[in-house]
Amino acid sequence: MARTVRVSAPRPTRTSGDHDGEGLEQLAAATLAERIRAGKAARKRAPLDSHGAWRPPPDRPDPVALLEGQAKTRVPELVPIRYGRMLVSPFAFYRGAAVIMASDLAKTPNSGFRAQLDGDAHMSNFGGFASAERTLVFDINDFDETLPGPWEWDLKRLTASLEIAGREFGMSNKKRRKVIGATVDEYQSAMHDFARRGHLDVWYAQLDVASVEERWGEQLGGRVRRNLRGAPARAKDNQRALEKLTHRVGGSVRFVSTPPLIHSFDDLVARSQARRLDVEMLGYLRAYGETLSDDRRAILGRFTYSDLARKVVGVGSVGTRTNIALFLGRDDSDPLVLQIKEANESVLEPYAGKSLYRQHGRRVVEGQRLIQASHDILLGWVRGRGIDGAIHDYYVRQLWDWKVSPKPEGMKARDLRVLGKACAWTLARAHARTGDRVAISAYLDGGQGFSDAIHEFARAYADQNERDYRALVDAVAQGRITARTGI
């Protein structure tokens, strides 16, 4: 079936009715002194040491039921793969359990200062990718749950992930405590630094791979230092996607079906429906193009759409409708592979308030643009009909644009400390860009109590995560849910 469709560059328009607010809350017109006083006063409302408390309340929701609730909106045949991936270890479970932790974080103290959150800031959701200037930068790389909310929630999710990973790697309690302490200290130090900077300095701040080595290279082991230096050469890109995910069929470049992880749409639907999807794709691409700036729309317009497939990604994301689209440029050796990923309601919305954006694809994109220092030049959103006949929201980005993911397995404690610091600096920069960094800095300027409290929280929540992981294991053993492992 022919699939060659030229992506046109439509005239720029603004979609009406896709936004019901003015974006992030604007800071009040207050003096520096007033903002500092507000930060200090917040310690009475939420003392720094109060952040260490975690006990499951008597009415805590069943964690497996929360996962089952998410499954209702997902592709049914893929949900068992999600459970299977979460069964690998307590850390793998934690990666997929953002909906559980969101419910728990809502019951913890917070200072009252909000920022744009990542919403799922565990350590594996940070990594390297290409900036628009083609340098390898370190930043947050997953924004499915992004939403304005209490900044503490991101930091607690990060530190708990480090505690859980440290246990999995066999690190002693003393070493794990140093990892958490270094992470929280870096967050505080970075926030104090950002509070002293001007708005543009904060906005332009970023952490590239060279900066990571310059700041913390001496603290890393030799193997990790070598891996860091070689990261640009190992980064996955569109050319790697072409080599790994496609083959030639009858003179055309097409995706290779490797069920259940990658399915060609020819294998998922009848030929008549596949033809309909091809026709509809042109309209969806035009709508997506309207969310790009003119220069980026011009780049997209030079590529020709060639093929579409469904792809399973991640752990927590498994079961969401995620497609990959192949485009070819100058010739068959000039590829562009876009990921078209379903965006649902953020797990934070029941507790932090509804998104201002009616399209969840736009919620993800606008949140990413706010807190990521250099985002994908083809980042956009679209709403379209899936193969189930229902309308879904999606966001679109390049599948791999120099993507590099940290490999925590086998890390020494000193290496995990550096990773924690890099993640903490990145979170502080995100929160400083979108929240009241002066007030947050003043709130944190109260000594060692906050670091100790966050360590206690991370330790207690890691215990909770182990109990929740065991609940999932039991649910599978009892036949309550079905899991497919090894995929």
Protein backbone atom coordinates (compact mmCIF):
# COMPACT_ATOMS: atom_id res chain seq x y z
CA MET A 1 0.00 0.00 0.00
CA ALA A 2 1.50 3.37 -0.99
CA ARG A 3 2.17 5.67 1.94
CA THR A 4 4.03 8.58 0.42
CA VAL A 5 2.42 11.77 1.69
CA ARG A 6 4.06 15.16 1.45
CA VAL A 7 3.81 17.16 4.68
CA SER A 8 2.85 20.67 3.70
CA ALA A 9 3.73 23.78 5.67
CA PRO A 10 0.35 25.34 6.46
CA ARG A 11 -0.15 28.95 7.36
CA PRO A 12 0.28 29.59 11.10
CA THR A 13 -2.93 29.66 13.07
CA ARG A 14 -3.80 29.43 16.73
CA THR A 15 -6.15 26.65 17.75
CA SER A 16 -9.16 28.18 19.47
CA GLY A 17 -10.66 26.86 22.66
CA ASP A 18 -7.63 24.76 23.67
CA HIS A 19 -6.70 26.79 26.72
CA ASP A 20 -8.88 27.91 29.60
CA GLY A 21 -6.46 30.01 31.60
CA GLU A 22 -3.42 32.18 31.44
CA GLY A 23 -0.74 29.55 32.20
CA LEU A 24 1.33 29.40 35.37
CA GLU A 25 0.32 31.56 38.27
CA GLN A 26 2.12 34.89 38.05
CA LEU A 27 4.19 36.00 41.01
CA ALA A 28 2.68 38.89 42.91
CA ALA A 29 4.34 42.27 42.50
CA ALA A 30 6.34 42.01 45.74
CA THR A 31 9.74 43.35 46.75
CA LEU A 32 12.67 41.05 47.42
CA ALA A 33 12.36 41.75 51.13
CA GLU A 34 8.69 40.77 51.11
CA ARG A 35 9.43 37.54 49.26
CA ILE A 36 12.19 36.65 51.70
CA ARG A 37 9.84 37.30 54.63
CA ALA A 38 7.20 35.10 52.98
CA GLY A 39 9.71 32.28 52.65
CA LYS A 40 10.79 32.48 56.27
CA ALA A 41 7.19 32.73 57.47
CA ALA A 42 6.34 29.53 55.62
CA ARG A 43 8.56 27.62 58.06
CA LYS A 44 5.87 28.15 60.68
CA ARG A 45 3.25 26.63 58.40
CA ALA A 46 5.49 23.74 57.37
CA PRO A 47 8.62 23.45 59.55
CA LEU A 48 11.62 22.03 57.70
CA ASP A 49 11.74 18.94 59.89
CA SER A 50 8.06 18.20 59.19
CA HIS A 51 9.00 16.90 55.72
CA GLY A 52 10.45 13.76 57.27
CA ALA A 53 7.11 12.38 58.33
CA TRP A 54 5.57 9.52 56.38
CA ARG A 55 3.01 7.10 57.72
CA PRO A 56 0.30 5.57 55.52
CA PRO A 57 -3.06 6.95 56.66
CA PRO A 58 -5.82 4.50 57.56
CA ASP A 59 -7.79 5.48 54.45
CA ARG A 60 -4.83 5.10 52.06
CA PRO A 61 -6.09 3.76 48.70
CA ASP A 62 -5.21 0.24 47.65
CA PRO A 63 -2.07 0.71 45.49
CA VAL A 64 -3.02 -2.08 43.09
CA ALA A 65 -6.48 -0.53 42.66
CA LEU A 66 -4.85 2.76 41.64
CA LEU A 67 -2.84 0.93 38.97
CA GLU A 68 -5.98 -0.87 37.81
CA GLY A 69 -7.74 2.48 37.53
CA GLN A 70 -5.03 3.73 35.16
CA ALA A 71 -5.32 0.54 33.11
CA LYS A 72 -8.94 1.34 32.18
CA THR A 73 -7.82 3.98 29.68
CA ARG A 74 -4.93 1.97 28.22
CA VAL A 75 -4.56 -0.55 25.42
CA PRO A 76 -5.85 -3.74 27.11
CA GLU A 77 -3.43 -6.20 25.52
CA LEU A 78 -0.42 -4.09 26.59
CA VAL A 79 -1.36 -3.64 30.26
CA PRO A 80 0.02 -7.09 31.31
CA ILE A 81 3.40 -6.01 29.88
CA ARG A 82 3.33 -2.97 32.13
CA TYR A 83 2.69 -5.12 35.19
CA GLY A 84 5.38 -7.55 34.09
CA ARG A 85 7.94 -4.75 33.83
CA MET A 86 6.96 -3.43 37.24
CA LEU A 87 7.49 -6.89 38.77
CA VAL A 88 11.20 -6.89 37.89
CA SER A 89 12.21 -5.17 41.16
CA PRO A 90 11.02 -2.61 43.73
CA PHE A 91 12.80 0.09 41.69
CA ALA A 92 11.06 -0.97 38.48
CA PHE A 93 7.77 -0.92 40.39
CA TYR A 94 8.52 2.59 41.63
CA ARG A 95 9.10 3.80 38.07
CA GLY A 96 5.55 2.79 37.19
CA ALA A 97 3.94 3.90 40.44
CA ALA A 98 3.70 7.68 39.96
CA VAL A 99 -0.07 7.50 40.42
CA ILE A 100 0.40 5.87 43.84
CA MET A 101 2.97 8.37 45.05
CA ALA A 102 0.92 11.33 43.84
CA SER A 103 -1.87 10.24 46.16
CA ASP A 104 0.62 9.90 49.02
CA LEU A 105 2.43 13.20 48.42
CA ALA A 106 -0.85 15.07 48.59
CA LYS A 107 -0.98 14.20 52.29
CA THR A 108 2.53 15.49 53.11
CA PRO A 109 3.47 19.00 54.33
CA ASN A 110 4.42 21.66 51.81
CA SER A 111 5.60 25.26 52.05
CA GLY A 112 2.74 26.63 49.95
CA PHE A 113 5.03 27.71 47.10
CA ARG A 114 4.24 26.19 43.72
CA ALA A 115 6.29 25.66 40.59
CA GLN A 116 5.90 23.75 37.35
CA LEU A 117 6.59 20.16 38.38
CA ASP A 118 7.93 17.34 36.30
CA GLY A 119 5.50 15.16 38.25
CA ASP A 120 7.52 11.94 37.88
CA ALA A 121 11.05 13.05 38.77
CA HIS A 122 12.64 9.69 39.58
CA MET A 123 16.32 9.34 38.71
CA SER A 124 15.72 7.38 35.49
CA ASN A 125 13.68 10.25 34.04
CA PHE A 126 16.84 12.34 33.70
CA GLY A 127 19.41 11.92 30.97
CA GLY A 128 21.23 13.37 28.00
CA PHE A 129 19.90 14.61 24.67
CA ALA A 130 20.81 17.11 21.99
CA SER A 131 20.21 20.80 22.45
CA ALA A 132 19.14 22.92 19.51
CA GLU A 133 22.81 23.99 19.29
CA ARG A 134 23.82 20.29 18.97
CA THR A 135 25.57 19.93 22.30
CA LEU A 136 24.77 17.04 24.65
CA VAL A 137 22.91 18.42 27.66
CA PHE A 138 21.71 16.78 30.87
CA ASP A 139 18.09 17.47 31.78
CA ILE A 140 14.71 16.00 32.63
CA ASN A 141 13.51 13.78 29.79
CA ASP A 142 9.96 12.73 30.69
CA PHE A 143 7.06 15.15 31.16
CA ASP A 144 3.92 13.03 30.97
CA GLU A 145 2.77 14.15 34.44
CA THR A 146 3.95 17.77 34.38
CA LEU A 147 1.69 20.22 36.23
CA PRO A 148 2.05 23.19 38.61
CA GLY A 149 2.21 22.00 42.21
CA PRO A 150 4.26 22.03 45.44
CA TRP A 151 7.96 21.93 44.52
CA GLU A 152 8.67 19.52 47.39
CA TRP A 153 6.83 16.73 45.56
CA ASP A 154 9.45 16.52 42.80
CA LEU A 155 12.34 16.50 45.28
CA LYS A 156 10.73 13.78 47.38
CA ARG A 157 10.09 11.60 44.35
CA LEU A 158 13.72 12.01 43.26
CA THR A 159 15.26 11.25 46.65
CA ALA A 160 13.02 8.26 47.27
CA SER A 161 14.12 6.83 43.91
CA LEU A 162 17.78 7.21 44.93
CA GLU A 163 17.12 5.44 48.24
CA ILE A 164 15.31 2.59 46.47
CA ALA A 165 18.08 2.27 43.86
CA GLY A 166 20.75 2.33 46.56
CA ARG A 167 19.07 -0.58 48.32
CA GLU A 168 18.83 -2.48 45.05
CA PHE A 169 22.56 -1.94 44.44
CA GLY A 170 23.41 -3.26 47.93
CA MET A 171 24.63 0.04 49.35
CA SER A 172 24.79 0.40 53.12
CA ASN A 173 22.44 2.73 55.00
CA LYS A 174 25.38 5.05 55.65
CA LYS A 175 26.22 5.31 51.95
CA ARG A 176 22.58 5.81 50.98
CA ARG A 177 22.29 8.58 53.56
CA LYS A 178 25.27 10.35 51.98
CA VAL A 179 23.66 10.07 48.54
CA ILE A 180 20.41 11.64 49.78
CA GLY A 181 22.26 14.29 51.77
CA ALA A 182 24.38 15.31 48.79
CA THR A 183 21.27 15.47 46.58
CA VAL A 184 19.30 17.68 48.96
CA ASP A 185 22.32 19.89 49.67
CA GLU A 186 22.81 20.41 45.93
CA TYR A 187 19.15 21.35 45.49
CA GLN A 188 19.40 23.89 48.32
CA SER A 189 22.70 25.30 47.09
CA ALA A 190 21.42 25.64 43.54
CA MET A 191 18.20 27.31 44.69
CA HIS A 192 20.16 29.81 46.77
CA ASP A 193 22.34 30.54 43.72
CA PHE A 194 19.33 30.97 41.43
CA ALA A 195 17.67 33.26 43.98
CA ARG A 196 20.60 35.66 43.60
CA ARG A 197 20.51 35.64 39.80
CA GLY A 198 18.48 37.69 37.36
CA HIS A 199 15.57 36.24 35.45
CA LEU A 200 17.46 35.80 32.16
CA ASP A 201 20.45 34.18 33.87
CA VAL A 202 18.13 31.59 35.39
CA TRP A 203 16.33 31.03 32.10
CA TYR A 204 19.55 30.41 30.18
CA ALA A 205 21.17 28.16 32.79
CA GLN A 206 21.77 24.61 31.59
CA LEU A 207 23.94 21.62 32.40
CA ASP A 208 25.81 20.08 29.50
CA VAL A 209 27.99 16.99 29.72
CA ALA A 210 31.17 19.09 29.86
CA SER A 211 29.74 20.99 32.83
CA VAL A 212 28.91 17.75 34.64
CA GLU A 213 32.52 16.62 34.31
CA GLU A 214 33.85 20.03 35.30
CA ARG A 215 31.65 20.23 38.40
CA TRP A 216 31.78 16.66 39.67
CA GLY A 217 34.16 14.66 37.46
CA GLU A 218 36.74 14.18 40.21
CA GLN A 219 34.07 12.55 42.36
CA LEU A 220 33.27 9.92 39.71
CA GLY A 221 34.85 6.52 39.25
CA GLY A 222 37.08 5.99 36.22
CA ARG A 223 34.59 3.80 34.34
CA VAL A 224 31.78 6.33 34.74
CA ARG A 225 34.08 9.20 33.71
CA ARG A 226 35.00 7.33 30.54
CA ASN A 227 31.34 6.60 29.83
CA LEU A 228 30.51 10.27 30.32
CA ARG A 229 33.19 11.38 27.87
CA GLY A 230 32.05 8.82 25.31
CA ALA A 231 28.36 9.63 25.70
CA PRO A 232 28.04 11.75 22.52
CA ALA A 233 29.36 8.90 20.39
CA ARG A 234 26.89 6.43 21.94
CA ALA A 235 23.86 8.70 21.74
CA LYS A 236 20.85 7.34 19.84
CA ASP A 237 19.60 9.46 16.97
CA ASN A 238 17.42 9.30 13.86
CA GLN A 239 20.08 7.41 11.93
CA ARG A 240 20.25 4.79 14.68
CA ALA A 241 16.46 4.53 14.58
CA LEU A 242 16.58 3.94 10.82
CA GLU A 243 19.14 1.15 11.24
CA LYS A 244 17.48 -0.52 14.22
CA LEU A 245 13.75 -0.14 13.55
CA THR A 246 13.30 -0.31 9.76
CA HIS A 247 13.90 -2.54 6.77
CA ARG A 248 13.30 -2.31 3.04
CA VAL A 249 10.15 -3.86 1.57
CA GLY A 250 9.53 -3.73 -2.16
CA GLY A 251 11.75 -0.70 -2.56
CA SER A 252 10.19 1.18 0.40
CA VAL A 253 11.60 1.76 3.88
CA ARG A 254 9.19 0.41 6.49
CA PHE A 255 9.17 -0.33 10.20
CA VAL A 256 10.05 -3.87 11.22
CA SER A 257 7.30 -5.56 13.26
CA THR A 258 8.70 -7.17 16.42
CA PRO A 259 5.55 -8.00 18.41
CA PRO A 260 4.57 -7.17 21.05
CA LEU A 261 7.02 -4.23 21.30
CA ILE A 262 6.61 -2.85 17.76
CA HIS A 263 3.58 -3.54 15.60
CA SER A 264 3.15 -2.34 12.04
CA PHE A 265 -0.34 -0.90 11.60
CA ASP A 266 -0.82 -3.34 8.73
CA ASP A 267 -0.77 -6.07 11.41
CA LEU A 268 -3.11 -4.25 13.80
CA VAL A 269 -6.01 -3.24 11.55
CA ALA A 270 -7.74 -4.29 8.36
CA ARG A 271 -6.35 -2.97 5.08
CA SER A 272 -9.30 -0.59 4.60
CA GLN A 273 -8.76 0.91 8.05
CA ALA A 274 -5.02 1.23 7.40
CA ARG A 275 -5.81 3.21 4.24
CA ARG A 276 -8.12 5.47 6.25
CA LEU A 277 -5.35 6.08 8.77
CA ASP A 278 -2.99 7.06 5.96
CA VAL A 279 -5.47 9.65 4.70
CA GLU A 280 -6.17 10.98 8.20
CA MET A 281 -2.46 11.17 8.97
CA LEU A 282 -2.03 14.09 6.56
CA GLY A 283 -4.61 16.10 8.48
CA TYR A 284 -3.04 15.21 11.83
CA LEU A 285 0.38 16.23 10.60
CA ARG A 286 -1.00 19.59 9.48
CA ALA A 287 -2.64 20.11 12.88
CA TYR A 288 0.58 19.13 14.66
CA GLY A 289 2.56 21.46 12.38
CA GLU A 290 0.42 24.38 13.52
CA THR A 291 1.79 23.93 17.06
CA LEU A 292 5.36 24.52 15.80
CA SER A 293 6.99 27.84 15.09
CA ASP A 294 7.28 28.83 11.42
CA ASP A 295 10.95 27.84 11.10
CA ARG A 296 10.35 24.39 12.61
CA ARG A 297 7.26 23.87 10.47
CA ALA A 298 9.44 24.60 7.47
CA ILE A 299 11.85 21.83 8.48
CA LEU A 300 9.00 19.36 8.91
CA GLY A 301 7.64 20.34 5.50
CA ARG A 302 10.79 19.07 3.78
CA PHE A 303 10.15 15.49 4.90
CA THR A 304 7.85 12.90 3.35
CA TYR A 305 5.72 10.67 5.55
CA SER A 306 6.43 6.98 4.91
CA ASP A 307 5.18 4.61 7.64
CA LEU A 308 3.50 4.28 11.04
CA ALA A 309 3.83 1.69 13.81
CA ARG A 310 2.83 1.17 17.44
CA LYS A 311 5.69 1.00 19.94
CA VAL A 312 5.83 -0.03 23.61
CA VAL A 313 7.94 2.38 25.66
CA GLY A 314 9.14 2.71 29.25
CA VAL A 315 7.58 1.15 32.34
CA GLY A 316 4.86 3.46 33.61
CA SER A 317 3.96 4.46 30.05
CA VAL A 318 3.26 0.94 28.82
CA GLY A 319 -0.31 0.70 27.58
CA THR A 320 -0.61 4.33 26.54
CA ARG A 321 -1.13 4.73 22.80
CA THR A 322 2.38 5.40 21.55
CA ASN A 323 3.14 5.41 17.84
CA ILE A 324 6.25 6.08 15.82
CA ALA A 325 6.10 7.75 12.41
CA LEU A 326 8.82 7.46 9.78
CA PHE A 327 9.65 10.36 7.45
CA LEU A 328 12.30 10.52 4.75
CA GLY A 329 14.11 13.65 3.62
CA ARG A 330 16.65 14.13 0.85
CA ASP A 331 16.65 10.36 0.21
CA ASP A 332 16.17 7.07 2.07
CA SER A 333 19.30 7.73 4.12
CA ASP A 334 17.92 11.00 5.56
CA PRO A 335 15.38 9.84 8.18
CA LEU A 336 13.20 11.50 10.77
CA VAL A 337 11.41 9.31 13.31
CA LEU A 338 8.77 11.02 15.44
CA GLN A 339 7.21 9.57 18.58
CA ILE A 340 3.49 10.31 18.86
CA LYS A 341 2.61 9.54 22.46
CA GLU A 342 -0.79 9.66 24.14
CA ALA A 343 -1.19 12.24 26.90
CA ASN A 344 -3.78 11.62 29.59
CA GLU A 345 -4.67 13.52 32.73
CA SER A 346 -1.63 14.06 34.96
CA VAL A 347 -1.57 11.84 38.05
CA LEU A 348 -1.16 15.08 40.03
CA GLU A 349 -4.41 16.69 38.89
CA PRO A 350 -6.72 15.16 41.52
CA TYR A 351 -4.49 16.71 44.20
CA ALA A 352 -2.83 19.81 42.67
CA GLY A 353 -5.73 21.04 40.54
CA LYS A 354 -6.83 20.63 36.94
CA SER A 355 -4.53 21.65 34.14
CA LEU A 356 -5.17 24.99 32.51
CA TYR A 357 -4.89 23.23 29.15
CA ARG A 358 -7.84 21.33 27.73
CA GLN A 359 -5.55 19.28 25.48
CA HIS A 360 -3.26 17.12 27.58
CA GLY A 361 -0.78 16.97 24.72
CA ARG A 362 -0.43 20.71 25.04
CA ARG A 363 -0.16 20.40 28.85
CA VAL A 364 2.88 18.16 28.37
CA VAL A 365 4.48 20.35 25.72
CA GLU A 366 3.98 23.67 27.50
CA GLY A 367 5.23 22.17 30.76
CA GLN A 368 8.32 20.82 29.04
CA ARG A 369 9.01 24.17 27.40
CA LEU A 370 8.82 25.85 30.78
CA ILE A 371 11.19 23.62 32.73
CA GLN A 372 13.57 22.08 30.18
CA ALA A 373 16.52 24.25 29.22
CA SER A 374 16.62 23.21 25.56
CA HIS A 375 13.73 21.23 24.14
CA ASP A 376 13.30 19.25 20.94
CA ILE A 377 12.85 21.57 17.96
CA LEU A 378 9.94 19.40 16.73
CA LEU A 379 8.08 19.26 20.04
CA GLY A 380 4.35 19.77 19.50
CA TRP A 381 0.91 18.31 20.10
CA VAL A 382 -2.13 17.01 18.26
CA ARG A 383 -5.56 15.51 18.91
CA GLY A 384 -6.66 12.62 16.72
CA ARG A 385 -8.65 9.42 16.34
CA GLY A 386 -6.97 6.16 17.35
CA ILE A 387 -7.51 2.72 15.87
CA ASP A 388 -10.11 2.18 18.63
CA GLY A 389 -12.22 4.90 17.00
CA ALA A 390 -11.92 7.23 20.00
CA ILE A 391 -10.32 10.68 20.09
CA HIS A 392 -7.08 10.94 22.06
CA ASP A 393 -4.61 13.68 22.93
CA TYR A 394 -0.98 13.22 21.90
CA TYR A 395 2.32 15.03 22.10
CA VAL A 396 4.97 14.66 19.41
CA ARG A 397 8.75 14.72 19.57
CA GLN A 398 11.72 13.05 17.92
CA LEU A 399 12.02 9.46 19.09
CA TRP A 400 15.78 9.71 19.64
CA ASP A 401 17.69 12.97 19.42
CA TRP A 402 21.11 12.06 20.82
CA LYS A 403 19.30 10.25 23.60
CA VAL A 404 21.54 8.97 26.40
CA SER A 405 20.13 7.31 29.52
CA PRO A 406 22.21 6.90 32.69
CA LYS A 407 23.00 3.28 33.54
CA PRO A 408 22.65 3.16 37.33
CA GLU A 409 23.14 -0.60 37.52
CA GLY A 410 26.56 -1.29 39.00
CA MET A 411 27.12 2.31 40.07
CA LYS A 412 29.26 2.89 43.13
CA ALA A 413 27.91 5.14 45.88
CA ARG A 414 30.09 8.06 44.75
CA ASP A 415 28.72 7.76 41.21
CA LEU A 416 25.14 7.68 42.47
CA ARG A 417 25.90 10.79 44.54
CA VAL A 418 26.99 12.67 41.43
CA LEU A 419 23.89 11.53 39.53
CA GLY A 420 21.76 12.71 42.46
CA LYS A 421 23.49 16.10 42.43
CA ALA A 422 23.01 16.53 38.69
CA CYS A 423 19.32 15.65 38.99
CA ALA A 424 18.90 17.97 42.00
CA TRP A 425 20.53 20.93 40.23
CA THR A 426 18.28 20.30 37.24
CA LEU A 427 15.15 20.21 39.41
CA ALA A 428 16.16 23.38 41.23
CA ARG A 429 16.66 25.14 37.89
CA ALA A 430 13.21 23.99 36.72
CA HIS A 431 11.53 25.19 39.91
CA ALA A 432 13.52 28.45 39.93
CA ARG A 433 12.34 29.22 36.40
CA THR A 434 8.67 28.75 37.21
CA GLY A 435 8.25 29.38 40.95
CA ASP A 436 9.24 32.05 43.46
CA ARG A 437 12.90 31.11 43.78
CA VAL A 438 13.55 33.88 46.30
CA ALA A 439 10.83 32.69 48.67
CA ILE A 440 11.81 29.02 48.26
CA SER A 441 15.45 29.87 48.95
CA ALA A 442 14.50 31.81 52.08
CA TYR A 443 12.33 28.91 53.21
CA LEU A 444 15.24 26.48 52.82
CA ASP A 445 17.77 28.78 54.51
CA GLY A 446 17.18 27.16 57.87
CA GLY A 447 20.09 24.79 58.43
CA GLN A 448 20.54 21.02 58.19
CA GLY A 449 17.01 20.13 59.28
CA PHE A 450 15.58 19.92 55.78
CA SER A 451 18.24 17.51 54.51
CA ASP A 452 17.77 15.22 57.50
CA ALA A 453 14.00 15.31 57.09
CA ILE A 454 14.10 14.44 53.38
CA HIS A 455 16.41 11.52 54.15
CA GLU A 456 13.92 10.23 56.71
CA PHE A 457 11.10 10.60 54.21
CA ALA A 458 13.04 8.81 51.47
CA ARG A 459 13.86 5.93 53.82
CA ALA A 460 10.27 5.61 55.05
CA TYR A 461 8.82 5.86 51.56
CA ALA A 462 11.23 3.22 50.24
CA ASP A 463 9.79 0.92 52.90
CA GLN A 464 6.30 1.81 51.69
CA ASN A 465 7.31 1.14 48.09
CA GLU A 466 8.51 -2.34 49.06
CA ARG A 467 5.16 -3.07 50.68
CA ASP A 468 3.34 -1.84 47.57
CA TYR A 469 5.61 -3.90 45.33
CA ARG A 470 4.76 -6.98 47.41
CA ALA A 471 1.06 -6.14 47.00
CA LEU A 472 1.49 -6.25 43.22
CA VAL A 473 3.38 -9.56 43.44
CA ASP A 474 0.56 -10.99 45.55
CA ALA A 475 -2.11 -9.68 43.17
CA VAL A 476 -0.46 -11.50 40.29
CA ALA A 477 -0.03 -14.71 42.33
CA GLN A 478 -3.70 -14.60 43.33
CA GLY A 479 -4.87 -14.09 39.74
CA ARG A 480 -6.29 -10.64 40.44
CA ILE A 481 -4.24 -9.21 37.57
CA THR A 482 -2.31 -10.74 34.70
CA ALA A 483 1.35 -9.93 34.07
CA ARG A 484 3.59 -10.78 31.11
CA THR A 485 7.22 -10.91 32.20
CA GLY A 486 10.44 -10.89 30.26
CA ILE A 487 9.29 -8.35 27.67
